């Protein structure tokens, strides 16, 4: 498993390393909620939080599509105005309902209990 790759629960939006998502694929390590799975985030090597649509450097809230692409919450909201029932990813045109991410503010960007923090 690769602890450097990050995943997000498609149920609660919590971010975890790939290793945790693989090990506990039905339980979120942050809130212990049953999850319907994890999506691997499509990120650059620096794990940049920059919104690739509006170029905001560090938006407070981000959303993820089931394809793994992310947008800031403001861009996601503007896209959803046109497609309220199903939002299309602006990068790969995958249709899905975006999930608001619950990202920790620690340096690794994953849950404090995650092995990537050790």
PDB file of N, CA and C in Angstrom:
ATOM      1  N   UNK A   1       0.842  -1.188   0.000  1.00  0.00           N
ATOM      2  CA  UNK A   1       0.000   0.000   0.000  1.00  0.00           C
ATOM      3  C   UNK A   1       0.881   1.244   0.000  1.00  0.00           C
ATOM      4  N   UNK A   2       0.349   2.313  -0.502  1.00  0.00           N
ATOM      5  CA  UNK A   2       1.100   3.556  -0.626  1.00  0.00           C
ATOM      6  C   UNK A   2       0.511   4.611   0.304  1.00  0.00           C
ATOM      7  N   UNK A   3       1.150   4.877   1.456  1.00  0.00           N
ATOM      8  CA  UNK A   3       0.598   5.854   2.391  1.00  0.00           C
ATOM      9  C   UNK A   3       0.673   7.286   1.879  1.00  0.00           C
ATOM     10  N   UNK A   4       1.439   7.529   0.813  1.00  0.00           N
ATOM     11  CA  UNK A   4       1.535   8.882   0.271  1.00  0.00           C
ATOM     12  C   UNK A   4       0.294   9.262  -0.532  1.00  0.00           C
ATOM     13  N   UNK A   5      -0.353   8.288  -1.149  1.00  0.00           N
ATOM     14  CA  UNK A   5      -1.583   8.572  -1.895  1.00  0.00           C
ATOM     15  C   UNK A   5      -2.718   8.766  -0.909  1.00  0.00           C
ATOM     16  N   UNK A   6      -3.559   9.744  -1.187  1.00  0.00           N
ATOM     17  CA  UNK A   6      -4.676  10.011  -0.284  1.00  0.00           C
ATOM     18  C   UNK A   6      -5.985   9.581  -0.923  1.00  0.00           C
ATOM     19  N   UNK A   7      -6.915   9.179  -0.073  1.00  0.00           N
ATOM     20  CA  UNK A   7      -8.246   8.765  -0.500  1.00  0.00           C
ATOM     21  C   UNK A   7      -9.260   9.526   0.333  1.00  0.00           C
ATOM     22  N   UNK A   8     -10.488   9.562  -0.154  1.00  0.00           N
ATOM     23  CA  UNK A   8     -11.557  10.220   0.591  1.00  0.00           C
ATOM     24  C   UNK A   8     -12.755   9.283   0.645  1.00  0.00           C
ATOM     25  N   UNK A   9     -13.394   9.222   1.812  1.00  0.00           N
ATOM     26  CA  UNK A   9     -14.594   8.403   1.977  1.00  0.00           C
ATOM     27  C   UNK A   9     -15.736   9.049   1.206  1.00  0.00           C
ATOM     28  N   UNK A  10     -16.432   8.276   0.395  1.00  0.00           N
ATOM     29  CA  UNK A  10     -17.534   8.850  -0.371  1.00  0.00           C
ATOM     30  C   UNK A  10     -18.810   8.964   0.465  1.00  0.00           C
ATOM     31  N   UNK A  11     -18.752   8.538   1.714  1.00  0.00           N
ATOM     32  CA  UNK A  11     -19.897   8.678   2.607  1.00  0.00           C
ATOM     33  C   UNK A  11     -19.779   9.922   3.482  1.00  0.00           C
ATOM     34  N   UNK A  12     -18.635  10.073   4.172  1.00  0.00           N
ATOM     35  CA  UNK A  12     -18.488  11.176   5.131  1.00  0.00           C
ATOM     36  C   UNK A  12     -17.536  12.270   4.662  1.00  0.00           C
ATOM     37  N   UNK A  13     -16.715  12.003   3.649  1.00  0.00           N
ATOM     38  CA  UNK A  13     -15.805  13.016   3.123  1.00  0.00           C
ATOM     39  C   UNK A  13     -14.468  13.117   3.826  1.00  0.00           C
ATOM     40  N   UNK A  14     -14.204  12.249   4.816  1.00  0.00           N
ATOM     41  CA  UNK A  14     -12.919  12.299   5.510  1.00  0.00           C
ATOM     42  C   UNK A  14     -11.801  11.778   4.617  1.00  0.00           C
ATOM     43  N   UNK A  15     -10.632  12.390   4.763  1.00  0.00           N
ATOM     44  CA  UNK A  15      -9.464  12.034   3.966  1.00  0.00           C
ATOM     45  C   UNK A  15      -8.590  11.074   4.763  1.00  0.00           C
ATOM     46  N   UNK A  16      -8.089  10.048   4.086  1.00  0.00           N
ATOM     47  CA  UNK A  16      -7.201   9.058   4.708  1.00  0.00           C
ATOM     48  C   UNK A  16      -6.095   8.714   3.719  1.00  0.00           C
ATOM     49  N   UNK A  17      -5.035   8.118   4.222  1.00  0.00           N
ATOM     50  CA  UNK A  17      -4.004   7.643   3.304  1.00  0.00           C
ATOM     51  C   UNK A  17      -4.525   6.384   2.605  1.00  0.00           C
ATOM     52  N   UNK A  18      -3.888   6.040   1.514  1.00  0.00           N
ATOM     53  CA  UNK A  18      -4.305   4.884   0.729  1.00  0.00           C
ATOM     54  C   UNK A  18      -4.234   3.599   1.560  1.00  0.00           C
ATOM     55  N   UNK A  19      -3.215   3.499   2.408  1.00  0.00           N
ATOM     56  CA  UNK A  19      -3.039   2.312   3.248  1.00  0.00           C
ATOM     57  C   UNK A  19      -4.232   2.111   4.185  1.00  0.00           C
ATOM     58  N   UNK A  20      -4.674   3.180   4.838  1.00  0.00           N
ATOM     59  CA  UNK A  20      -5.830   3.078   5.745  1.00  0.00           C
ATOM     60  C   UNK A  20      -7.102   2.738   4.977  1.00  0.00           C
ATOM     61  N   UNK A  21      -7.269   3.354   3.826  1.00  0.00           N
ATOM     62  CA  UNK A  21      -8.465   3.089   3.023  1.00  0.00           C
ATOM     63  C   UNK A  21      -8.507   1.634   2.571  1.00  0.00           C
ATOM     64  N   UNK A  22      -7.362   1.078   2.210  1.00  0.00           N
ATOM     65  CA  UNK A  22      -7.294  -0.325   1.793  1.00  0.00           C
ATOM     66  C   UNK A  22      -7.569  -1.263   2.962  1.00  0.00           C
ATOM     67  N   UNK A  23      -7.006  -0.927   4.122  1.00  0.00           N
ATOM     68  CA  UNK A  23      -7.124  -1.793   5.300  1.00  0.00           C
ATOM     69  C   UNK A  23      -8.540  -1.790   5.867  1.00  0.00           C
ATOM     70  N   UNK A  24      -9.164  -0.633   5.882  1.00  0.00           N
ATOM     71  CA  UNK A  24     -10.488  -0.515   6.495  1.00  0.00           C
ATOM     72  C   UNK A  24     -11.477   0.009   5.470  1.00  0.00           C
ATOM     73  N   UNK A  25     -11.614  -0.673   4.370  1.00  0.00           N
ATOM     74  CA  UNK A  25     -12.381  -0.176   3.228  1.00  0.00           C
ATOM     75  C   UNK A  25     -13.873   0.025   3.490  1.00  0.00           C
ATOM     76  N   UNK A  26     -14.385  -0.383   4.631  1.00  0.00           N
ATOM     77  CA  UNK A  26     -15.809  -0.167   4.920  1.00  0.00           C
ATOM     78  C   UNK A  26     -16.048   0.710   6.148  1.00  0.00           C
ATOM     79  N   UNK A  27     -14.981   1.114   6.845  1.00  0.00           N
ATOM     80  CA  UNK A  27     -15.108   1.947   8.042  1.00  0.00           C
ATOM     81  C   UNK A  27     -14.180   3.148   7.910  1.00  0.00           C
ATOM     82  N   UNK A  28     -14.703   4.341   8.184  1.00  0.00           N
ATOM     83  CA  UNK A  28     -13.882   5.547   8.198  1.00  0.00           C
ATOM     84  C   UNK A  28     -13.105   5.587   9.506  1.00  0.00           C
ATOM     85  N   UNK A  29     -11.797   5.781   9.435  1.00  0.00           N
ATOM     86  CA  UNK A  29     -10.945   5.831  10.622  1.00  0.00           C
ATOM     87  C   UNK A  29     -11.146   7.109  11.436  1.00  0.00           C
ATOM     88  N   UNK A  30     -11.754   8.133  10.847  1.00  0.00           N
ATOM     89  CA  UNK A  30     -11.951   9.403  11.559  1.00  0.00           C
ATOM     90  C   UNK A  30     -13.223   9.412  12.392  1.00  0.00           C
ATOM     91  N   UNK A  31     -14.329   8.982  11.787  1.00  0.00           N
ATOM     92  CA  UNK A  31     -15.616   9.080  12.488  1.00  0.00           C
ATOM     93  C   UNK A  31     -16.237   7.714  12.760  1.00  0.00           C
ATOM     94  N   UNK A  32     -15.582   6.664  12.318  1.00  0.00           N
ATOM     95  CA  UNK A  32     -16.017   5.277  12.502  1.00  0.00           C
ATOM     96  C   UNK A  32     -17.356   4.980  11.840  1.00  0.00           C
ATOM     97  N   UNK A  33     -17.721   5.794  10.876  1.00  0.00           N
ATOM     98  CA  UNK A  33     -18.958   5.550  10.132  1.00  0.00           C
ATOM     99  C   UNK A  33     -18.710   4.473   9.085  1.00  0.00           C
ATOM    100  N   UNK A  34     -19.754   3.706   8.805  1.00  0.00           N
ATOM    101  CA  UNK A  34     -19.663   2.769   7.685  1.00  0.00           C
ATOM    102  C   UNK A  34     -19.602   3.601   6.418  1.00  0.00           C
ATOM    103  N   UNK A  35     -18.732   3.235   5.524  1.00  0.00           N
ATOM    104  CA  UNK A  35     -18.596   3.974   4.272  1.00  0.00           C
ATOM    105  C   UNK A  35     -18.893   3.044   3.107  1.00  0.00           C
ATOM    106  N   UNK A  36     -19.334   3.622   2.029  1.00  0.00           N
ATOM    107  CA  UNK A  36     -19.616   2.823   0.841  1.00  0.00           C
ATOM    108  C   UNK A  36     -18.389   2.729  -0.051  1.00  0.00           C
ATOM    109  N   UNK A  37     -17.265   3.191   0.447  1.00  0.00           N
ATOM    110  CA  UNK A  37     -16.013   3.080  -0.291  1.00  0.00           C
ATOM    111  C   UNK A  37     -15.189   4.348  -0.235  1.00  0.00           C
ATOM    112  N   UNK A  38     -14.004   4.260  -0.812  1.00  0.00           N
ATOM    113  CA  UNK A  38     -13.078   5.380  -0.872  1.00  0.00           C
ATOM    114  C   UNK A  38     -12.737   5.673  -2.325  1.00  0.00           C
ATOM    115  N   UNK A  39     -12.449   6.929  -2.597  1.00  0.00           N
ATOM    116  CA  UNK A  39     -12.025   7.370  -3.921  1.00  0.00           C
ATOM    117  C   UNK A  39     -10.594   7.876  -3.791  1.00  0.00           C
ATOM    118  N   UNK A  40      -9.711   7.446  -4.679  1.00  0.00           N
ATOM    119  CA  UNK A  40      -8.340   7.962  -4.685  1.00  0.00           C
ATOM    120  C   UNK A  40      -8.341   9.378  -5.243  1.00  0.00           C
ATOM    121  N   UNK A  41      -7.731  10.296  -4.500  1.00  0.00           N
ATOM    122  CA  UNK A  41      -7.657  11.683  -4.957  1.00  0.00           C
ATOM    123  C   UNK A  41      -6.638  11.807  -6.076  1.00  0.00           C
ATOM    124  N   UNK A  42      -6.978  12.582  -7.084  1.00  0.00           N
ATOM    125  CA  UNK A  42      -6.045  12.882  -8.167  1.00  0.00           C
ATOM    126  C   UNK A  42      -5.367  14.190  -7.779  1.00  0.00           C
ATOM    127  N   UNK A  43      -4.115  14.075  -7.327  1.00  0.00           N
ATOM    128  CA  UNK A  43      -3.378  15.228  -6.823  1.00  0.00           C
ATOM    129  C   UNK A  43      -1.992  15.264  -7.442  1.00  0.00           C
ATOM    130  N   UNK A  44      -1.397  16.450  -7.441  1.00  0.00           N
ATOM    131  CA  UNK A  44      -0.015  16.536  -7.892  1.00  0.00           C
ATOM    132  C   UNK A  44       0.902  16.099  -6.751  1.00  0.00           C
ATOM    133  N   UNK A  45       2.189  16.026  -7.019  1.00  0.00           N
ATOM    134  CA  UNK A  45       3.127  15.511  -6.023  1.00  0.00           C
ATOM    135  C   UNK A  45       3.201  16.358  -4.761  1.00  0.00           C
ATOM    136  N   UNK A  46       2.943  17.649  -4.872  1.00  0.00           N
ATOM    137  CA  UNK A  46       3.013  18.523  -3.706  1.00  0.00           C
ATOM    138  C   UNK A  46       1.696  18.553  -2.935  1.00  0.00           C
ATOM    139  N   UNK A  47       0.714  17.746  -3.361  1.00  0.00           N
ATOM    140  CA  UNK A  47      -0.609  17.735  -2.732  1.00  0.00           C
ATOM    141  C   UNK A  47      -1.192  19.137  -2.682  1.00  0.00           C
ATOM    142  N   UNK A  48      -1.025  19.841  -3.750  1.00  0.00           N
ATOM    143  CA  UNK A  48      -1.511  21.210  -3.829  1.00  0.00           C
ATOM    144  C   UNK A  48      -3.009  21.264  -3.588  1.00  0.00           C
ATOM    145  N   UNK A  49      -3.424  22.210  -2.775  1.00  0.00           N
ATOM    146  CA  UNK A  49      -4.849  22.409  -2.521  1.00  0.00           C
ATOM    147  C   UNK A  49      -5.455  23.369  -3.539  1.00  0.00           C
ATOM    148  N   UNK A  50      -4.655  23.877  -4.435  1.00  0.00           N
ATOM    149  CA  UNK A  50      -5.140  24.866  -5.389  1.00  0.00           C
ATOM    150  C   UNK A  50      -6.305  24.325  -6.215  1.00  0.00           C
ATOM    151  N   UNK A  51      -7.331  25.156  -6.361  1.00  0.00           N
ATOM    152  CA  UNK A  51      -8.457  24.791  -7.221  1.00  0.00           C
ATOM    153  C   UNK A  51      -7.994  24.937  -8.663  1.00  0.00           C
ATOM    154  N   UNK A  52      -8.108  23.886  -9.425  1.00  0.00           N
ATOM    155  CA  UNK A  52      -7.628  23.907 -10.807  1.00  0.00           C
ATOM    156  C   UNK A  52      -8.571  24.658 -11.740  1.00  0.00           C
ATOM    157  N   UNK A  53      -9.714  25.091 -11.235  1.00  0.00           N
ATOM    158  CA  UNK A  53     -10.647  25.849 -12.075  1.00  0.00           C
ATOM    159  C   UNK A  53     -10.468  27.354 -11.876  1.00  0.00           C
ATOM    160  N   UNK A  54     -10.520  27.830 -10.625  1.00  0.00           N
ATOM    161  CA  UNK A  54     -10.414  29.276 -10.363  1.00  0.00           C
ATOM    162  C   UNK A  54      -9.025  29.681  -9.878  1.00  0.00           C
ATOM    163  N   UNK A  55      -8.169  28.692  -9.612  1.00  0.00           N
ATOM    164  CA  UNK A  55      -6.785  28.885  -9.180  1.00  0.00           C
ATOM    165  C   UNK A  55      -6.641  29.495  -7.784  1.00  0.00           C
ATOM    166  N   UNK A  56      -7.686  29.397  -6.962  1.00  0.00           N
ATOM    167  CA  UNK A  56      -7.561  29.797  -5.561  1.00  0.00           C
ATOM    168  C   UNK A  56      -6.528  28.878  -4.922  1.00  0.00           C
ATOM    169  N   UNK A  57      -5.531  29.464  -4.267  1.00  0.00           N
ATOM    170  CA  UNK A  57      -4.400  28.673  -3.761  1.00  0.00           C
ATOM    171  C   UNK A  57      -4.764  27.683  -2.661  1.00  0.00           C
ATOM    172  N   UNK A  58      -5.515  28.110  -1.676  1.00  0.00           N
ATOM    173  CA  UNK A  58      -5.835  27.223  -0.553  1.00  0.00           C
ATOM    174  C   UNK A  58      -7.275  27.452  -0.100  1.00  0.00           C
ATOM    175  N   UNK A  59      -8.236  26.970  -0.868  1.00  0.00           N
ATOM    176  CA  UNK A  59      -9.631  27.165  -0.465  1.00  0.00           C
ATOM    177  C   UNK A  59      -9.918  26.473   0.865  1.00  0.00           C
ATOM    178  N   UNK A  60     -10.805  27.075   1.641  1.00  0.00           N
ATOM    179  CA  UNK A  60     -11.143  26.496   2.943  1.00  0.00           C
ATOM    180  C   UNK A  60     -11.882  25.172   2.803  1.00  0.00           C
ATOM    181  N   UNK A  61     -12.730  25.074   1.810  1.00  0.00           N
ATOM    182  CA  UNK A  61     -13.498  23.842   1.589  1.00  0.00           C
ATOM    183  C   UNK A  61     -13.298  23.375   0.159  1.00  0.00           C
ATOM    184  N   UNK A  62     -13.138  22.063   0.011  1.00  0.00           N
ATOM    185  CA  UNK A  62     -13.025  21.477  -1.323  1.00  0.00           C
ATOM    186  C   UNK A  62     -14.019  20.334  -1.446  1.00  0.00           C
ATOM    187  N   UNK A  63     -14.365  20.029  -2.673  1.00  0.00           N
ATOM    188  CA  UNK A  63     -15.254  18.911  -2.970  1.00  0.00           C
ATOM    189  C   UNK A  63     -14.526  17.956  -3.905  1.00  0.00           C
ATOM    190  N   UNK A  64     -14.902  16.694  -3.824  1.00  0.00           N
ATOM    191  CA  UNK A  64     -14.297  15.675  -4.677  1.00  0.00           C
ATOM    192  C   UNK A  64     -15.398  14.980  -5.471  1.00  0.00           C
ATOM    193  N   UNK A  65     -15.082  14.676  -6.716  1.00  0.00           N
ATOM    194  CA  UNK A  65     -15.971  13.889  -7.561  1.00  0.00           C
ATOM    195  C   UNK A  65     -15.568  12.421  -7.425  1.00  0.00           C
ATOM    196  N   UNK A  66     -16.418  11.514  -7.814  1.00  0.00           N
ATOM    197  CA  UNK A  66     -16.094  10.082  -7.703  1.00  0.00           C
ATOM    198  C   UNK A  66     -14.936   9.670  -8.600  1.00  0.00           C
ATOM    199  N   UNK A  67     -14.578  10.516  -9.547  1.00  0.00           N
ATOM    200  CA  UNK A  67     -13.414  10.235 -10.393  1.00  0.00           C
ATOM    201  C   UNK A  67     -12.112  10.566  -9.667  1.00  0.00           C
ATOM    202  N   UNK A  68     -12.191  11.358  -8.563  1.00  0.00           N
ATOM    203  CA  UNK A  68     -11.009  11.726  -7.795  1.00  0.00           C
ATOM    204  C   UNK A  68     -10.543  13.153  -8.004  1.00  0.00           C
ATOM    205  N   UNK A  69     -11.099  13.859  -8.990  1.00  0.00           N
ATOM    206  CA  UNK A  69     -10.740  15.261  -9.197  1.00  0.00           C
ATOM    207  C   UNK A  69     -11.396  16.126  -8.120  1.00  0.00           C
ATOM    208  N   UNK A  70     -10.739  17.221  -7.772  1.00  0.00           N
ATOM    209  CA  UNK A  70     -11.259  18.116  -6.745  1.00  0.00           C
ATOM    210  C   UNK A  70     -11.441  19.529  -7.287  1.00  0.00           C
ATOM    211  N   UNK A  71     -12.356  20.238  -6.657  1.00  0.00           N
ATOM    212  CA  UNK A  71     -12.603  21.658  -6.921  1.00  0.00           C
ATOM    213  C   UNK A  71     -12.863  22.335  -5.586  1.00  0.00           C
ATOM    214  N   UNK A  72     -12.676  23.650  -5.545  1.00  0.00           N
ATOM    215  CA  UNK A  72     -13.075  24.362  -4.335  1.00  0.00           C
ATOM    216  C   UNK A  72     -14.604  24.332  -4.258  1.00  0.00           C
ATOM    217  N   UNK A  73     -15.126  24.541  -3.067  1.00  0.00           N
ATOM    218  CA  UNK A  73     -16.578  24.479  -2.872  1.00  0.00           C
ATOM    219  C   UNK A  73     -17.304  25.538  -3.699  1.00  0.00           C
ATOM    220  N   UNK A  74     -16.699  26.720  -3.859  1.00  0.00           N
ATOM    221  CA  UNK A  74     -17.343  27.791  -4.635  1.00  0.00           C
ATOM    222  C   UNK A  74     -17.500  27.389  -6.107  1.00  0.00           C
ATOM    223  N   UNK A  75     -16.474  26.800  -6.691  1.00  0.00           N
ATOM    224  CA  UNK A  75     -16.569  26.355  -8.089  1.00  0.00           C
ATOM    225  C   UNK A  75     -17.574  25.213  -8.230  1.00  0.00           C
ATOM    226  N   UNK A  76     -17.576  24.309  -7.267  1.00  0.00           N
ATOM    227  CA  UNK A  76     -18.536  23.203  -7.304  1.00  0.00           C
ATOM    228  C   UNK A  76     -19.958  23.742  -7.258  1.00  0.00           C
ATOM    229  N   UNK A  77     -20.191  24.716  -6.396  1.00  0.00           N
ATOM    230  CA  UNK A  77     -21.517  25.321  -6.281  1.00  0.00           C
ATOM    231  C   UNK A  77     -21.926  25.997  -7.588  1.00  0.00           C
ATOM    232  N   UNK A  78     -21.004  26.693  -8.222  1.00  0.00           N
ATOM    233  CA  UNK A  78     -21.348  27.371  -9.477  1.00  0.00           C
ATOM    234  C   UNK A  78     -21.668  26.365 -10.584  1.00  0.00           C
ATOM    235  N   UNK A  79     -20.979  25.239 -10.613  1.00  0.00           N
ATOM    236  CA  UNK A  79     -21.265  24.199 -11.603  1.00  0.00           C
ATOM    237  C   UNK A  79     -22.617  23.549 -11.317  1.00  0.00           C
ATOM    238  N   UNK A  80     -22.919  23.341 -10.036  1.00  0.00           N
ATOM    239  CA  UNK A  80     -24.176  22.677  -9.657  1.00  0.00           C
ATOM    240  C   UNK A  80     -25.399  23.523  -9.974  1.00  0.00           C
ATOM    241  N   UNK A  81     -25.234  24.823 -10.159  1.00  0.00           N
ATOM    242  CA  UNK A  81     -26.364  25.673 -10.544  1.00  0.00           C
ATOM    243  C   UNK A  81     -26.948  25.208 -11.874  1.00  0.00           C
ATOM    244  N   UNK A  82     -26.080  24.736 -12.759  1.00  0.00           N
ATOM    245  CA  UNK A  82     -26.514  24.321 -14.095  1.00  0.00           C
ATOM    246  C   UNK A  82     -26.951  22.859 -14.143  1.00  0.00           C
ATOM    247  N   UNK A  83     -26.424  22.044 -13.248  1.00  0.00           N
ATOM    248  CA  UNK A  83     -26.749  20.613 -13.204  1.00  0.00           C
ATOM    249  C   UNK A  83     -26.998  20.210 -11.750  1.00  0.00           C
ATOM    250  N   UNK A  84     -28.113  20.618 -11.143  1.00  0.00           N
ATOM    251  CA  UNK A  84     -28.311  20.357  -9.712  1.00  0.00           C
ATOM    252  C   UNK A  84     -28.407  18.881  -9.338  1.00  0.00           C
ATOM    253  N   UNK A  85     -28.918  18.047 -10.224  1.00  0.00           N
ATOM    254  CA  UNK A  85     -29.095  16.637  -9.868  1.00  0.00           C
ATOM    255  C   UNK A  85     -27.853  15.794 -10.136  1.00  0.00           C
ATOM    256  N   UNK A  86     -27.062  16.181 -11.103  1.00  0.00           N
ATOM    257  CA  UNK A  86     -25.849  15.436 -11.431  1.00  0.00           C
ATOM    258  C   UNK A  86     -24.815  16.419 -11.948  1.00  0.00           C
ATOM    259  N   UNK A  87     -23.713  16.509 -11.266  1.00  0.00           N
ATOM    260  CA  UNK A  87     -22.660  17.436 -11.658  1.00  0.00           C
ATOM    261  C   UNK A  87     -21.631  16.698 -12.498  1.00  0.00           C
ATOM    262  N   UNK A  88     -21.173  17.336 -13.538  1.00  0.00           N
ATOM    263  CA  UNK A  88     -20.176  16.761 -14.434  1.00  0.00           C
ATOM    264  C   UNK A  88     -18.799  17.297 -14.044  1.00  0.00           C
ATOM    265  N   UNK A  89     -17.839  16.410 -13.867  1.00  0.00           N
ATOM    266  CA  UNK A  89     -16.473  16.832 -13.567  1.00  0.00           C
ATOM    267  C   UNK A  89     -15.953  17.649 -14.748  1.00  0.00           C
ATOM    268  N   UNK A  90     -15.445  18.857 -14.496  1.00  0.00           N
ATOM    269  CA  UNK A  90     -14.968  19.687 -15.602  1.00  0.00           C
ATOM    270  C   UNK A  90     -13.670  19.177 -16.234  1.00  0.00           C
ATOM    271  N   UNK A  91     -13.024  18.212 -15.610  1.00  0.00           N
ATOM    272  CA  UNK A  91     -11.745  17.720 -16.119  1.00  0.00           C
ATOM    273  C   UNK A  91     -11.885  16.458 -16.965  1.00  0.00           C
ATOM    274  N   UNK A  92     -12.774  15.545 -16.551  1.00  0.00           N
ATOM    275  CA  UNK A  92     -12.902  14.278 -17.296  1.00  0.00           C
ATOM    276  C   UNK A  92     -14.339  13.984 -17.729  1.00  0.00           C
ATOM    277  N   UNK A  93     -15.272  14.866 -17.407  1.00  0.00           N
ATOM    278  CA  UNK A  93     -16.686  14.745 -17.756  1.00  0.00           C
ATOM    279  C   UNK A  93     -17.379  13.548 -17.110  1.00  0.00           C
ATOM    280  N   UNK A  94     -16.814  13.026 -16.037  1.00  0.00           N
ATOM    281  CA  UNK A  94     -17.457  11.953 -15.284  1.00  0.00           C
ATOM    282  C   UNK A  94     -18.616  12.563 -14.505  1.00  0.00           C
ATOM    283  N   UNK A  95     -19.771  11.960 -14.578  1.00  0.00           N
ATOM    284  CA  UNK A  95     -20.935  12.481 -13.871  1.00  0.00           C
ATOM    285  C   UNK A  95     -21.052  11.880 -12.485  1.00  0.00           C
ATOM    286  N   UNK A  96     -21.162  12.726 -11.477  1.00  0.00           N
ATOM    287  CA  UNK A  96     -21.358  12.248 -10.110  1.00  0.00           C
ATOM    288  C   UNK A  96     -21.772  13.406  -9.221  1.00  0.00           C
ATOM    289  N   UNK A  97     -22.272  13.074  -8.068  1.00  0.00           N
ATOM    290  CA  UNK A  97     -22.576  14.091  -7.074  1.00  0.00           C
ATOM    291  C   UNK A  97     -21.303  14.345  -6.282  1.00  0.00           C
ATOM    292  N   UNK A  98     -20.803  15.585  -6.262  1.00  0.00           N
ATOM    293  CA  UNK A  98     -19.570  15.852  -5.515  1.00  0.00           C
ATOM    294  C   UNK A  98     -19.794  15.744  -4.008  1.00  0.00           C
ATOM    295  N   UNK A  99     -18.747  15.375  -3.306  1.00  0.00           N
ATOM    296  CA  UNK A  99     -18.781  15.199  -1.859  1.00  0.00           C
ATOM    297  C   UNK A  99     -17.874  16.250  -1.241  1.00  0.00           C
ATOM    298  N   UNK A 100     -18.366  16.953  -0.218  1.00  0.00           N
ATOM    299  CA  UNK A 100     -17.505  17.917   0.460  1.00  0.00           C
ATOM    300  C   UNK A 100     -16.475  17.169   1.284  1.00  0.00           C
ATOM    301  N   UNK A 101     -15.217  17.524   1.101  1.00  0.00           N
ATOM    302  CA  UNK A 101     -14.131  16.858   1.808  1.00  0.00           C
ATOM    303  C   UNK A 101     -13.971  17.426   3.210  1.00  0.00           C
ATOM    304  N   UNK A 102     -13.633  16.552   4.135  1.00  0.00           N
ATOM    305  CA  UNK A 102     -13.307  16.943   5.505  1.00  0.00           C
ATOM    306  C   UNK A 102     -11.813  16.704   5.658  1.00  0.00           C
ATOM    307  N   UNK A 103     -11.041  17.743   5.354  1.00  0.00           N
ATOM    308  CA  UNK A 103      -9.586  17.597   5.353  1.00  0.00           C
ATOM    309  C   UNK A 103      -8.980  18.065   6.662  1.00  0.00           C
ATOM    310  N   UNK A 104      -8.103  17.256   7.254  1.00  0.00           N
ATOM    311  CA  UNK A 104      -7.392  17.707   8.451  1.00  0.00           C
ATOM    312  C   UNK A 104      -6.399  18.802   8.085  1.00  0.00           C
ATOM    313  N   UNK A 105      -6.072  19.612   9.056  1.00  0.00           N
ATOM    314  CA  UNK A 105      -5.153  20.716   8.798  1.00  0.00           C
ATOM    315  C   UNK A 105      -3.716  20.381   9.165  1.00  0.00           C
ATOM    316  N   UNK A 106      -3.457  19.124   9.563  1.00  0.00           N
ATOM    317  CA  UNK A 106      -2.080  18.761   9.896  1.00  0.00           C
ATOM    318  C   UNK A 106      -1.233  18.699   8.630  1.00  0.00           C
ATOM    319  N   UNK A 107       0.051  18.632   8.793  1.00  0.00           N
ATOM    320  CA  UNK A 107       0.973  18.744   7.664  1.00  0.00           C
ATOM    321  C   UNK A 107       0.851  17.595   6.661  1.00  0.00           C
ATOM    322  N   UNK A 108       0.488  16.397   7.127  1.00  0.00           N
ATOM    323  CA  UNK A 108       0.400  15.267   6.201  1.00  0.00           C
ATOM    324  C   UNK A 108      -0.895  15.276   5.405  1.00  0.00           C
ATOM    325  N   UNK A 109      -1.913  15.985   5.894  1.00  0.00           N
ATOM    326  CA  UNK A 109      -3.179  16.053   5.181  1.00  0.00           C
ATOM    327  C   UNK A 109      -4.040  14.822   5.316  1.00  0.00           C
ATOM    328  N   UNK A 110      -3.738  13.977   6.301  1.00  0.00           N
ATOM    329  CA  UNK A 110      -4.557  12.792   6.555  1.00  0.00           C
ATOM    330  C   UNK A 110      -4.936  12.758   8.026  1.00  0.00           C
ATOM    331  N   UNK A 111      -5.818  11.854   8.378  1.00  0.00           N
ATOM    332  CA  UNK A 111      -6.308  11.758   9.753  1.00  0.00           C
ATOM    333  C   UNK A 111      -5.158  11.546  10.739  1.00  0.00           C
ATOM    334  N   UNK A 112      -5.245  12.134  11.946  1.00  0.00           N
ATOM    335  CA  UNK A 112      -4.178  11.977  12.938  1.00  0.00           C
ATOM    336  C   UNK A 112      -3.861  10.525  13.284  1.00  0.00           C
ATOM    337  N   UNK A 113      -4.841   9.631  13.191  1.00  0.00           N
ATOM    338  CA  UNK A 113      -4.609   8.222  13.522  1.00  0.00           C
ATOM    339  C   UNK A 113      -3.945   7.450  12.383  1.00  0.00           C
ATOM    340  N   UNK A 114      -3.765   8.082  11.260  1.00  0.00           N
ATOM    341  CA  UNK A 114      -3.237   7.432  10.061  1.00  0.00           C
ATOM    342  C   UNK A 114      -1.743   7.122  10.200  1.00  0.00           C
ATOM    343  N   UNK A 115      -1.288   5.964   9.708  1.00  0.00           N
ATOM    344  CA  UNK A 115       0.139   5.618   9.753  1.00  0.00           C
ATOM    345  C   UNK A 115       1.031   6.618   9.026  1.00  0.00           C
ATOM    346  N   UNK A 116       0.474   7.378   8.099  1.00  0.00           N
ATOM    347  CA  UNK A 116       1.278   8.362   7.369  1.00  0.00           C
ATOM    348  C   UNK A 116       1.780   9.471   8.290  1.00  0.00           C
ATOM    349  N   UNK A 117       1.181   9.609   9.472  1.00  0.00           N
ATOM    350  CA  UNK A 117       1.600  10.635  10.429  1.00  0.00           C
ATOM    351  C   UNK A 117       2.718  10.156  11.347  1.00  0.00           C
ATOM    352  N   UNK A 118       3.066   8.899  11.276  1.00  0.00           N
ATOM    353  CA  UNK A 118       4.076   8.354  12.198  1.00  0.00           C
ATOM    354  C   UNK A 118       5.458   8.444  11.613  1.00  0.00           C
TER     355      UNK A 118
END
